[in-house]
Structure formats: structure tokens, C-alpha cells
PDB file of all heavy atoms in Angstrom:
ATOM      1  N   ASP A   1       0.848  -1.185   0.000  1.00  0.00           N
ATOM      2  CA  ASP A   1       0.000   0.000   0.000  1.00  0.00           C
ATOM      3  C   ASP A   1       0.889   1.243   0.000  1.00  0.00           C
ATOM      4  O   ASP A   1       1.737   1.389  -0.859  1.00  0.00           O
ATOM      5  CB  ASP A   1      -0.984  -0.039   1.177  1.00  0.00           C
ATOM      6  CG  ASP A   1      -2.098  -1.061   0.934  1.00  0.00           C
ATOM      7  OD1 ASP A   1      -2.418  -1.333  -0.235  1.00  0.00           O
ATOM      8  OD2 ASP A   1      -2.642  -1.590   1.910  1.00  0.00           O
ATOM      9  N   LEU A   2       0.759   2.110   0.999  1.00  0.00           N
ATOM     10  CA  LEU A   2       1.518   3.364   0.998  1.00  0.00           C
ATOM     11  C   LEU A   2       2.875   3.248   1.691  1.00  0.00           C
ATOM     12  O   LEU A   2       3.665   4.193   1.667  1.00  0.00           O
ATOM     13  CB  LEU A   2       0.701   4.467   1.689  1.00  0.00           C
ATOM     14  CG  LEU A   2      -0.638   4.823   1.021  1.00  0.00           C
ATOM     15  CD1 LEU A   2      -1.357   5.900   1.822  1.00  0.00           C
ATOM     16  CD2 LEU A   2      -0.429   5.280  -0.413  1.00  0.00           C
ATOM     17  N   ALA A   3       3.149   2.102   2.298  1.00  0.00           N
ATOM     18  CA  ALA A   3       4.420   1.922   3.015  1.00  0.00           C
ATOM     19  C   ALA A   3       5.528   1.558   2.027  1.00  0.00           C
ATOM     20  O   ALA A   3       5.376   0.633   1.224  1.00  0.00           O
ATOM     21  CB  ALA A   3       4.283   0.846   4.078  1.00  0.00           C
ATOM     22  N   ILE A   4       6.648   2.279   2.077  1.00  0.00           N
ATOM     23  CA  ILE A   4       7.797   2.019   1.210  1.00  0.00           C
ATOM     24  C   ILE A   4       8.863   1.310   2.034  1.00  0.00           C
ATOM     25  O   ILE A   4       9.212   1.740   3.137  1.00  0.00           O
ATOM     26  CB  ILE A   4       8.382   3.334   0.649  1.00  0.00           C
ATOM     27  CG1 ILE A   4       7.264   4.196   0.047  1.00  0.00           C
ATOM     28  CG2 ILE A   4       9.459   3.029  -0.378  1.00  0.00           C
ATOM     29  CD1 ILE A   4       6.563   3.585  -1.115  1.00  0.00           C
ATOM     30  N   HIS A   5       9.402   0.204   1.490  1.00  0.00           N
ATOM     31  CA  HIS A   5      10.399  -0.590   2.211  1.00  0.00           C
ATOM     32  C   HIS A   5      11.771  -0.437   1.561  1.00  0.00           C
ATOM     33  O   HIS A   5      11.883  -0.093   0.377  1.00  0.00           O
ATOM     34  CB  HIS A   5       9.979  -2.063   2.232  1.00  0.00           C
ATOM     35  CG  HIS A   5       8.561  -2.265   2.664  1.00  0.00           C
ATOM     36  ND1 HIS A   5       8.120  -1.919   3.920  1.00  0.00           N
ATOM     37  CD2 HIS A   5       7.467  -2.738   2.005  1.00  0.00           C
ATOM     38  CE1 HIS A   5       6.828  -2.192   4.024  1.00  0.00           C
ATOM     39  NE2 HIS A   5       6.409  -2.685   2.872  1.00  0.00           N
ATOM     40  N   VAL A   6      12.792  -0.722   2.323  1.00  0.00           N
ATOM     41  CA  VAL A   6      14.160  -0.587   1.832  1.00  0.00           C
ATOM     42  C   VAL A   6      14.392  -1.556   0.672  1.00  0.00           C
ATOM     43  O   VAL A   6      13.703  -2.581   0.544  1.00  0.00           O
ATOM     44  CB  VAL A   6      15.186  -0.869   2.953  1.00  0.00           C
ATOM     45  CG1 VAL A   6      15.048   0.146   4.066  1.00  0.00           C
ATOM     46  CG2 VAL A   6      15.018  -2.289   3.494  1.00  0.00           C
ATOM     47  N   ALA A   7      15.363  -1.211  -0.171  1.00  0.00           N
ATOM     48  CA  ALA A   7      15.658  -2.046  -1.329  1.00  0.00           C
ATOM     49  C   ALA A   7      16.211  -3.397  -0.896  1.00  0.00           C
ATOM     50  O   ALA A   7      17.055  -3.477  -0.004  1.00  0.00           O
ATOM     51  CB  ALA A   7      16.662  -1.337  -2.233  1.00  0.00           C
ATOM     52  N   ARG A   8      15.749  -4.445  -1.540  1.00  0.00           N
ATOM     53  CA  ARG A   8      16.257  -5.803  -1.277  1.00  0.00           C
ATOM     54  C   ARG A   8      16.030  -6.661  -2.510  1.00  0.00           C
ATOM     55  O   ARG A   8      15.231  -6.320  -3.386  1.00  0.00           O
ATOM     56  CB  ARG A   8      15.600  -6.429  -0.051  1.00  0.00           C
ATOM     57  CG  ARG A   8      14.075  -6.422  -0.035  1.00  0.00           C
ATOM     58  CD  ARG A   8      13.516  -5.260   0.742  1.00  0.00           C
ATOM     59  NE  ARG A   8      12.067  -5.344   0.890  1.00  0.00           N
ATOM     60  CZ  ARG A   8      11.450  -5.312   2.059  1.00  0.00           C
ATOM     61  NH1 ARG A   8      12.145  -5.274   3.173  1.00  0.00           N
ATOM     62  NH2 ARG A   8      10.139  -5.339   2.122  1.00  0.00           N
ATOM     63  N   ARG A   9      16.729  -7.771  -2.567  1.00  0.00           N
ATOM     64  CA  ARG A   9      16.669  -8.627  -3.754  1.00  0.00           C
ATOM     65  C   ARG A   9      15.486  -9.576  -3.727  1.00  0.00           C
ATOM     66  O   ARG A   9      14.950  -9.928  -4.773  1.00  0.00           O
ATOM     67  CB  ARG A   9      17.965  -9.432  -3.899  1.00  0.00           C
ATOM     68  CG  ARG A   9      19.183  -8.610  -4.315  1.00  0.00           C
ATOM     69  CD  ARG A   9      20.358  -9.515  -4.646  1.00  0.00           C
ATOM     70  NE  ARG A   9      20.055 -10.375  -5.792  1.00  0.00           N
ATOM     71  CZ  ARG A   9      19.939 -11.693  -5.728  1.00  0.00           C
ATOM     72  NH1 ARG A   9      20.072 -12.326  -4.568  1.00  0.00           N
ATOM     73  NH2 ARG A   9      19.697 -12.391  -6.828  1.00  0.00           N
ATOM     74  N   VAL A  10      15.102 -10.038  -2.549  1.00  0.00           N
ATOM     75  CA  VAL A  10      14.059 -11.063  -2.446  1.00  0.00           C
ATOM     76  C   VAL A  10      12.866 -10.502  -1.676  1.00  0.00           C
ATOM     77  O   VAL A  10      13.021  -9.992  -0.560  1.00  0.00           O
ATOM     78  CB  VAL A  10      14.581 -12.335  -1.755  1.00  0.00           C
ATOM     79  CG1 VAL A  10      13.464 -13.377  -1.664  1.00  0.00           C
ATOM     80  CG2 VAL A  10      15.786 -12.897  -2.502  1.00  0.00           C
ATOM     81  N   VAL A  11      11.709 -10.592  -2.278  1.00  0.00           N
ATOM     82  CA  VAL A  11      10.467 -10.136  -1.645  1.00  0.00           C
ATOM     83  C   VAL A  11       9.442 -11.262  -1.752  1.00  0.00           C
ATOM     84  O   VAL A  11       9.217 -11.805  -2.836  1.00  0.00           O
ATOM     85  CB  VAL A  11       9.922  -8.865  -2.321  1.00  0.00           C
ATOM     86  CG1 VAL A  11       8.599  -8.453  -1.695  1.00  0.00           C
ATOM     87  CG2 VAL A  11      10.931  -7.724  -2.233  1.00  0.00           C
ATOM     88  N   GLU A  12       8.830 -11.609  -0.634  1.00  0.00           N
ATOM     89  CA  GLU A  12       7.799 -12.657  -0.614  1.00  0.00           C
ATOM     90  C   GLU A  12       6.458 -12.032  -0.229  1.00  0.00           C
ATOM     91  O   GLU A  12       6.377 -11.265   0.729  1.00  0.00           O
ATOM     92  CB  GLU A  12       8.170 -13.756   0.370  1.00  0.00           C
ATOM     93  CG  GLU A  12       9.415 -14.541  -0.030  1.00  0.00           C
ATOM     94  CD  GLU A  12       9.710 -15.674   0.938  1.00  0.00           C
ATOM     95  OE1 GLU A  12       9.020 -16.711   0.854  1.00  0.00           O
ATOM     96  OE2 GLU A  12      10.611 -15.510   1.769  1.00  0.00           O
ATOM     97  N   ILE A  13       5.448 -12.375  -0.989  1.00  0.00           N
ATOM     98  CA  ILE A  13       4.110 -11.837  -0.772  1.00  0.00           C
ATOM     99  C   ILE A  13       3.123 -13.001  -0.770  1.00  0.00           C
ATOM    100  O   ILE A  13       3.181 -13.870  -1.634  1.00  0.00           O
ATOM    101  CB  ILE A  13       3.732 -10.832  -1.883  1.00  0.00           C
ATOM    102  CG1 ILE A  13       4.764  -9.703  -1.962  1.00  0.00           C
ATOM    103  CG2 ILE A  13       2.334 -10.268  -1.651  1.00  0.00           C
ATOM    104  CD1 ILE A  13       4.598  -8.799  -3.163  1.00  0.00           C
ATOM    105  N   ASP A  14       2.256 -13.016   0.205  1.00  0.00           N
ATOM    106  CA  ASP A  14       1.214 -14.047   0.205  1.00  0.00           C
ATOM    107  C   ASP A  14      -0.104 -13.442   0.658  1.00  0.00           C
ATOM    108  O   ASP A  14      -0.178 -12.266   1.034  1.00  0.00           O
ATOM    109  CB  ASP A  14       1.600 -15.261   1.055  1.00  0.00           C
ATOM    110  CG  ASP A  14       1.758 -14.928   2.535  1.00  0.00           C
ATOM    111  OD1 ASP A  14       1.649 -13.738   2.908  1.00  0.00           O
ATOM    112  OD2 ASP A  14       2.012 -15.852   3.331  1.00  0.00           O
ATOM    113  N   LEU A  15      -1.146 -14.241   0.583  1.00  0.00           N
ATOM    114  CA  LEU A  15      -2.498 -13.792   0.891  1.00  0.00           C
ATOM    115  C   LEU A  15      -3.025 -14.551   2.101  1.00  0.00           C
ATOM    116  O   LEU A  15      -2.857 -15.772   2.201  1.00  0.00           O
ATOM    117  CB  LEU A  15      -3.424 -14.030  -0.301  1.00  0.00           C
ATOM    118  CG  LEU A  15      -4.806 -13.381  -0.202  1.00  0.00           C
ATOM    119  CD1 LEU A  15      -4.695 -11.874  -0.351  1.00  0.00           C
ATOM    120  CD2 LEU A  15      -5.755 -13.937  -1.260  1.00  0.00           C
ATOM    121  N   LEU A  16      -3.654 -13.823   3.000  1.00  0.00           N
ATOM    122  CA  LEU A  16      -4.368 -14.431   4.125  1.00  0.00           C
ATOM    123  C   LEU A  16      -5.859 -14.310   3.811  1.00  0.00           C
ATOM    124  O   LEU A  16      -6.460 -13.246   3.996  1.00  0.00           O
ATOM    125  CB  LEU A  16      -4.027 -13.704   5.431  1.00  0.00           C
ATOM    126  CG  LEU A  16      -2.541 -13.630   5.792  1.00  0.00           C
ATOM    127  CD1 LEU A  16      -2.340 -12.845   7.081  1.00  0.00           C
ATOM    128  CD2 LEU A  16      -1.951 -15.027   5.922  1.00  0.00           C
ATOM    129  N   PRO A  17      -6.448 -15.382   3.276  1.00  0.00           N
ATOM    130  CA  PRO A  17      -7.844 -15.284   2.825  1.00  0.00           C
ATOM    131  C   PRO A  17      -8.820 -15.149   3.993  1.00  0.00           C
ATOM    132  O   PRO A  17      -8.607 -15.705   5.075  1.00  0.00           O
ATOM    133  CB  PRO A  17      -8.065 -16.600   2.072  1.00  0.00           C
ATOM    134  CG  PRO A  17      -7.052 -17.539   2.627  1.00  0.00           C
ATOM    135  CD  PRO A  17      -5.870 -16.712   3.023  1.00  0.00           C
ATOM    136  N   ALA A  18      -9.890 -14.379   3.751  1.00  0.00           N
ATOM    137  CA  ALA A  18     -11.005 -14.237   4.698  1.00  0.00           C
ATOM    138  C   ALA A  18     -10.518 -13.903   6.104  1.00  0.00           C
ATOM    139  O   ALA A  18     -10.959 -14.497   7.082  1.00  0.00           O
ATOM    140  CB  ALA A  18     -11.845 -15.523   4.710  1.00  0.00           C
ATOM    141  N   SER A  19      -9.603 -12.938   6.212  1.00  0.00           N
ATOM    142  CA  SER A  19      -8.934 -12.665   7.489  1.00  0.00           C
ATOM    143  C   SER A  19      -9.489 -11.468   8.240  1.00  0.00           C
ATOM    144  O   SER A  19      -9.238 -11.332   9.436  1.00  0.00           O
ATOM    145  CB  SER A  19      -7.435 -12.437   7.253  1.00  0.00           C
ATOM    146  OG  SER A  19      -6.821 -13.617   6.814  1.00  0.00           O
ATOM    147  N   VAL A  20     -10.198 -10.581   7.553  1.00  0.00           N
ATOM    148  CA  VAL A  20     -10.723  -9.377   8.189  1.00  0.00           C
ATOM    149  C   VAL A  20     -12.226  -9.294   7.929  1.00  0.00           C
ATOM    150  O   VAL A  20     -12.669  -9.411   6.786  1.00  0.00           O
ATOM    151  CB  VAL A  20     -10.025  -8.108   7.652  1.00  0.00           C
ATOM    152  CG1 VAL A  20     -10.588  -6.867   8.339  1.00  0.00           C
ATOM    153  CG2 VAL A  20      -8.517  -8.181   7.862  1.00  0.00           C
ATOM    154  N   LEU A  21     -12.995  -9.103   8.991  1.00  0.00           N
ATOM    155  CA  LEU A  21     -14.451  -9.018   8.877  1.00  0.00           C
ATOM    156  C   LEU A  21     -14.837  -7.549   8.671  1.00  0.00           C
ATOM    157  O   LEU A  21     -14.578  -6.711   9.533  1.00  0.00           O
ATOM    158  CB  LEU A  21     -15.104  -9.567  10.143  1.00  0.00           C
ATOM    159  CG  LEU A  21     -16.614  -9.784  10.125  1.00  0.00           C
ATOM    160  CD1 LEU A  21     -17.006 -10.795   9.045  1.00  0.00           C
ATOM    161  CD2 LEU A  21     -17.111 -10.247  11.490  1.00  0.00           C
ATOM    162  N   MET A  22     -15.430  -7.246   7.520  1.00  0.00           N
ATOM    163  CA  MET A  22     -15.775  -5.866   7.175  1.00  0.00           C
ATOM    164  C   MET A  22     -17.246  -5.734   6.815  1.00  0.00           C
ATOM    165  O   MET A  22     -17.837  -6.640   6.224  1.00  0.00           O
ATOM    166  CB  MET A  22     -14.934  -5.375   5.995  1.00  0.00           C
ATOM    167  CG  MET A  22     -13.520  -4.991   6.336  1.00  0.00           C
ATOM    168  SD  MET A  22     -12.812  -4.005   4.997  1.00  0.00           S
ATOM    169  CE  MET A  22     -11.129  -3.827   5.603  1.00  0.00           C
ATOM    170  N   ILE A  23     -17.804  -4.580   7.158  1.00  0.00           N
ATOM    171  CA  ILE A  23     -19.142  -4.219   6.702  1.00  0.00           C
ATOM    172  C   ILE A  23     -18.991  -3.595   5.325  1.00  0.00           C
ATOM    173  O   ILE A  23     -18.274  -2.605   5.158  1.00  0.00           O
ATOM    174  CB  ILE A  23     -19.807  -3.243   7.679  1.00  0.00           C
ATOM    175  CG1 ILE A  23     -20.023  -3.928   9.036  1.00  0.00           C
ATOM    176  CG2 ILE A  23     -21.139  -2.737   7.118  1.00  0.00           C
ATOM    177  CD1 ILE A  23     -20.516  -3.002  10.125  1.00  0.00           C
ATOM    178  N   VAL A  24     -19.631  -4.184   4.318  1.00  0.00           N
ATOM    179  CA  VAL A  24     -19.400  -3.783   2.924  1.00  0.00           C
ATOM    180  C   VAL A  24     -20.725  -3.540   2.211  1.00  0.00           C
ATOM    181  O   VAL A  24     -21.804  -3.829   2.737  1.00  0.00           O
ATOM    182  CB  VAL A  24     -18.592  -4.861   2.172  1.00  0.00           C
ATOM    183  CG1 VAL A  24     -17.248  -5.100   2.844  1.00  0.00           C
ATOM    184  CG2 VAL A  24     -19.380  -6.175   2.079  1.00  0.00           C
ATOM    185  N   GLY A  25     -20.609  -3.018   0.994  1.00  0.00           N
ATOM    186  CA  GLY A  25     -21.781  -2.761   0.167  1.00  0.00           C
ATOM    187  C   GLY A  25     -21.700  -3.476  -1.162  1.00  0.00           C
ATOM    188  O   GLY A  25     -21.154  -4.583  -1.261  1.00  0.00           O
ATOM    189  N   ASN A  26     -22.212  -2.829  -2.196  1.00  0.00           N
ATOM    190  CA  ASN A  26     -22.262  -3.431  -3.528  1.00  0.00           C
ATOM    191  C   ASN A  26     -21.062  -2.917  -4.331  1.00  0.00           C
ATOM    192  O   ASN A  26     -21.194  -2.057  -5.190  1.00  0.00           O
ATOM    193  CB  ASN A  26     -23.585  -3.068  -4.215  1.00  0.00           C
ATOM    194  CG  ASN A  26     -23.811  -3.868  -5.478  1.00  0.00           C
ATOM    195  OD1 ASN A  26     -22.936  -4.607  -5.930  1.00  0.00           O
ATOM    196  ND2 ASN A  26     -24.986  -3.723  -6.062  1.00  0.00           N
ATOM    197  N   GLY A  27     -19.876  -3.469  -4.032  1.00  0.00           N
ATOM    198  CA  GLY A  27     -18.650  -2.961  -4.619  1.00  0.00           C
ATOM    199  C   GLY A  27     -18.091  -3.833  -5.722  1.00  0.00           C
ATOM    200  O   GLY A  27     -18.310  -5.048  -5.748  1.00  0.00           O
ATOM    201  N   ILE A  28     -17.318  -3.210  -6.634  1.00  0.00           N
ATOM    202  CA  ILE A  28     -16.725  -3.955  -7.743  1.00  0.00           C
ATOM    203  C   ILE A  28     -15.606  -4.881  -7.268  1.00  0.00           C
ATOM    204  O   ILE A  28     -15.191  -5.767  -7.998  1.00  0.00           O
ATOM    205  CB  ILE A  28     -16.185  -3.015  -8.832  1.00  0.00           C
ATOM    206  CG1 ILE A  28     -14.969  -2.214  -8.320  1.00  0.00           C
ATOM    207  CG2 ILE A  28     -17.255  -2.095  -9.347  1.00  0.00           C
ATOM    208  CD1 ILE A  28     -14.207  -1.508  -9.413  1.00  0.00           C
ATOM    209  N   GLY A  29     -15.117  -4.681  -6.031  1.00  0.00           N
ATOM    210  CA  GLY A  29     -14.055  -5.530  -5.509  1.00  0.00           C
ATOM    211  C   GLY A  29     -14.560  -6.717  -4.730  1.00  0.00           C
ATOM    212  O   GLY A  29     -13.800  -7.324  -3.973  1.00  0.00           O
ATOM    213  N   LEU A  30     -15.820  -7.090  -4.899  1.00  0.00           N
ATOM    214  CA  LEU A  30     -16.410  -8.201  -4.153  1.00  0.00           C
ATOM    215  C   LEU A  30     -16.998  -9.245  -5.095  1.00  0.00           C
ATOM    216  O   LEU A  30     -17.708  -8.908  -6.040  1.00  0.00           O
ATOM    217  CB  LEU A  30     -17.516  -7.685  -3.226  1.00  0.00           C
ATOM    218  CG  LEU A  30     -17.082  -6.762  -2.091  1.00  0.00           C
ATOM    219  CD1 LEU A  30     -18.289  -6.092  -1.452  1.00  0.00           C
ATOM    220  CD2 LEU A  30     -16.283  -7.534  -1.049  1.00  0.00           C
ATOM    221  N   SER A  31     -16.698 -10.513  -4.809  1.00  0.00           N
ATOM    222  CA  SER A  31     -17.340 -11.604  -5.541  1.00  0.00           C
ATOM    223  C   SER A  31     -18.788 -11.767  -5.107  1.00  0.00           C
ATOM    224  O   SER A  31     -19.641 -12.201  -5.884  1.00  0.00           O
ATOM    225  CB  SER A  31     -16.587 -12.925  -5.289  1.00  0.00           C
ATOM    226  OG  SER A  31     -15.249 -12.825  -5.662  1.00  0.00           O
ATOM    227  N   LEU A  32     -19.052 -11.432  -3.838  1.00  0.00           N
ATOM    228  CA  LEU A  32     -20.397 -11.558  -3.277  1.00  0.00           C
ATOM    229  C   LEU A  32     -20.809 -10.201  -2.706  1.00  0.00           C
ATOM    230  O   LEU A  32     -20.764  -9.972  -1.501  1.00  0.00           O
ATOM    231  CB  LEU A  32     -20.425 -12.630  -2.183  1.00  0.00           C
ATOM    232  CG  LEU A  32     -21.782 -12.994  -1.592  1.00  0.00           C
ATOM    233  CD1 LEU A  32     -22.713 -13.546  -2.670  1.00  0.00           C
ATOM    234  CD2 LEU A  32     -21.624 -14.005  -0.454  1.00  0.00           C
ATOM    235  N   PRO A  33     -21.199  -9.255  -3.571  1.00  0.00           N
ATOM    236  CA  PRO A  33     -21.569  -7.921  -3.097  1.00  0.00           C
ATOM    237  C   PRO A  33     -22.901  -7.937  -2.363  1.00  0.00           C
ATOM    238  O   PRO A  33     -23.670  -8.895  -2.458  1.00  0.00           O
ATOM    239  CB  PRO A  33     -21.657  -7.101  -4.388  1.00  0.00           C
ATOM    240  CG  PRO A  33     -22.006  -8.104  -5.439  1.00  0.00           C
ATOM    241  CD  PRO A  33     -21.308  -9.372  -5.034  1.00  0.00           C
ATOM    242  N   VAL A  34     -23.165  -6.873  -1.622  1.00  0.00           N
ATOM    243  CA  VAL A  34     -24.435  -6.708  -0.915  1.00  0.00           C
ATOM    244  C   VAL A  34     -25.370  -5.922  -1.837  1.00  0.00           C
ATOM    245  O   VAL A  34     -25.261  -4.708  -1.965  1.00  0.00           O
ATOM    246  CB  VAL A  34     -24.233  -5.965   0.424  1.00  0.00           C
ATOM    247  CG1 VAL A  34     -25.572  -5.812   1.148  1.00  0.00           C
ATOM    248  CG2 VAL A  34     -23.244  -6.722   1.305  1.00  0.00           C
ATOM    249  N   GLU A  35     -26.273  -6.636  -2.480  1.00  0.00           N
ATOM    250  CA  GLU A  35     -27.109  -6.036  -3.522  1.00  0.00           C
ATOM    251  C   GLU A  35     -28.018  -4.932  -2.979  1.00  0.00           C
ATOM    252  O   GLU A  35     -28.361  -3.996  -3.698  1.00  0.00           O
ATOM    253  CB  GLU A  35     -27.968  -7.119  -4.184  1.00  0.00           C
ATOM    254  CG  GLU A  35     -27.187  -8.275  -4.784  1.00  0.00           C
ATOM    255  CD  GLU A  35     -26.457  -7.897  -6.063  1.00  0.00           C
ATOM    256  OE1 GLU A  35     -26.704  -6.791  -6.573  1.00  0.00           O
ATOM    257  OE2 GLU A  35     -25.632  -8.694  -6.541  1.00  0.00           O
ATOM    258  N   SER A  36     -28.425  -5.036  -1.722  1.00  0.00           N
ATOM    259  CA  SER A  36     -29.391  -4.093  -1.161  1.00  0.00           C
ATOM    260  C   SER A  36     -28.728  -2.943  -0.414  1.00  0.00           C
ATOM    261  O   SER A  36     -29.402  -2.188   0.283  1.00  0.00           O
ATOM    262  CB  SER A  36     -30.328  -4.832  -0.200  1.00  0.00           C
ATOM    263  OG  SER A  36     -29.567  -5.516   0.792  1.00  0.00           O
ATOM    264  N   ALA A  37     -27.420  -2.788  -0.559  1.00  0.00           N
ATOM    265  CA  ALA A  37     -26.703  -1.739   0.158  1.00  0.00           C
ATOM    266  C   ALA A  37     -27.081  -0.368  -0.358  1.00  0.00           C
ATOM    267  O   ALA A  37     -27.531  -0.216  -1.498  1.00  0.00           O
ATOM    268  CB  ALA A  37     -25.196  -1.952   0.006  1.00  0.00           C
ATOM    269  N   PRO A  38     -26.901   0.681   0.482  1.00  0.00           N
ATOM    270  CA  PRO A  38     -27.099   2.054  -0.012  1.00  0.00           C
ATOM    271  C   PRO A  38     -26.214   2.318  -1.220  1.00  0.00           C
ATOM    272  O   PRO A  38     -25.122   1.753  -1.337  1.00  0.00           O
ATOM    273  CB  PRO A  38     -26.681   2.916   1.185  1.00  0.00           C
ATOM    274  CG  PRO A  38     -26.851   2.030   2.374  1.00  0.00           C
ATOM    275  CD  PRO A  38     -26.543   0.644   1.904  1.00  0.00           C
ATOM    276  N   VAL A  39     -26.674   3.184  -2.117  1.00  0.00           N
ATOM    277  CA  VAL A  39     -25.955   3.459  -3.355  1.00  0.00           C
ATOM    278  C   VAL A  39     -24.640   4.152  -3.056  1.00  0.00           C
ATOM    279  O   VAL A  39     -24.563   5.054  -2.210  1.00  0.00           O
ATOM    280  CB  VAL A  39     -26.813   4.333  -4.285  1.00  0.00           C
ATOM    281  CG1 VAL A  39     -26.033   4.714  -5.538  1.00  0.00           C
ATOM    282  CG2 VAL A  39     -28.088   3.600  -4.661  1.00  0.00           C
ATOM    283  N   LEU A  40     -23.580   3.735  -3.749  1.00  0.00           N
ATOM    284  CA  LEU A  40     -22.286   4.385  -3.629  1.00  0.00           C
ATOM    285  C   LEU A  40     -22.386   5.781  -4.227  1.00  0.00           C
ATOM    286  O   LEU A  40     -22.608   5.945  -5.420  1.00  0.00           O
ATOM    287  CB  LEU A  40     -21.212   3.573  -4.361  1.00  0.00           C
ATOM    288  CG  LEU A  40     -19.822   4.189  -4.475  1.00  0.00           C
ATOM    289  CD1 LEU A  40     -19.206   4.361  -3.100  1.00  0.00           C
ATOM    290  CD2 LEU A  40     -18.930   3.325  -5.344  1.00  0.00           C
ATOM    291  N   MET A  41     -22.205   6.780  -3.384  1.00  0.00           N
ATOM    292  CA  MET A  41     -22.291   8.170  -3.834  1.00  0.00           C
ATOM    293  C   MET A  41     -20.942   8.624  -4.371  1.00  0.00           C
ATOM    294  O   MET A  41     -19.888   8.241  -3.870  1.00  0.00           O
ATOM    295  CB  MET A  41     -22.702   9.085  -2.673  1.00  0.00           C
ATOM    296  CG  MET A  41     -24.065   8.747  -2.084  1.00  0.00           C
ATOM    297  SD  MET A  41     -25.414   9.008  -3.244  1.00  0.00           S
ATOM    298  CE  MET A  41     -25.401  10.793  -3.349  1.00  0.00           C
ATOM    299  N   ASN A  42     -20.980   9.465  -5.414  1.00  0.00           N
ATOM    300  CA  ASN A  42     -19.785  10.089  -5.971  1.00  0.00           C
ATOM    301  C   ASN A  42     -18.693   9.083  -6.310  1.00  0.00           C
ATOM    302  O   ASN A  42     -17.570   9.185  -5.823  1.00  0.00           O
ATOM    303  CB  ASN A  42     -19.210  11.118  -4.992  1.00  0.00           C
ATOM    304  CG  ASN A  42     -20.232  12.177  -4.628  1.00  0.00           C
ATOM    305  OD1 ASN A  42     -20.970  12.632  -5.488  1.00  0.00           O
ATOM    306  ND2 ASN A  42     -20.285  12.541  -3.363  1.00  0.00           N
ATOM    307  N   PRO A  43     -18.988   8.064  -7.124  1.00  0.00           N
ATOM    308  CA  PRO A  43     -17.945   7.107  -7.476  1.00  0.00           C
ATOM    309  C   PRO A  43     -16.869   7.758  -8.326  1.00  0.00           C
ATOM    310  O   PRO A  43     -17.049   8.852  -8.847  1.00  0.00           O
ATOM    311  CB  PRO A  43     -18.695   6.034  -8.272  1.00  0.00           C
ATOM    312  CG  PRO A  43     -19.850   6.769  -8.862  1.00  0.00           C
ATOM    313  CD  PRO A  43     -20.244   7.803  -7.846  1.00  0.00           C
ATOM    314  N   ALA A  44     -15.739   7.063  -8.458  1.00  0.00           N
ATOM    315  CA  ALA A  44     -14.662   7.581  -9.291  1.00  0.00           C
ATOM    316  C   ALA A  44     -15.159   7.753 -10.718  1.00  0.00           C
ATOM    317  O   ALA A  44     -15.977   6.975 -11.201  1.00  0.00           O
ATOM    318  CB  ALA A  44     -13.468   6.629  -9.266  1.00  0.00           C
ATOM    319  N   PRO A  45     -14.715   8.790 -11.426  1.00  0.00           N
ATOM    320  CA  PRO A  45     -15.159   9.006 -12.806  1.00  0.00           C
ATOM    321  C   PRO A  45     -14.929   7.779 -13.673  1.00  0.00           C
ATOM    322  O   PRO A  45     -13.832   7.239 -13.707  1.00  0.00           O
ATOM    323  CB  PRO A  45     -14.284  10.176 -13.267  1.00  0.00           C
ATOM    324  CG  PRO A  45     -13.876  10.878 -12.004  1.00  0.00           C
ATOM    325  CD  PRO A  45     -13.755   9.794 -10.973  1.00  0.00           C
ATOM    326  N   GLY A  46     -16.005   7.325 -14.313  1.00  0.00           N
ATOM    327  CA  GLY A  46     -15.875   6.205 -15.225  1.00  0.00           C
ATOM    328  C   GLY A  46     -15.708   4.863 -14.556  1.00  0.00           C
ATOM    329  O   GLY A  46     -15.356   3.891 -15.217  1.00  0.00           O
TER     330      GLY A  46
END
């Protein structure tokens, strides 16, 4: 994200699935969106 790390040769990245419980709506970043959520106001252009 916004954190910058020192230069190095080897970087390992993995995913922790279903690790954070969030209240969500009908977003493009969800496989299972909440269809009845309030409308997203002022979305990004396009």
C-alpha cells in the first residue's frame, strides 16, 4: 500500500484469505456484493 520498504533482492508476498471481517456494500471488488446496500455516492469518474 503506501508503506515504502528498503531495497532488497528477495520479496515474498502471500495472501491471508477471509482474514478481516468488514461491513461492505455493492462494490466492484467483491465476488459476493451486498445487492441491497445504499448506493455508492460520488464514485470515481468512469
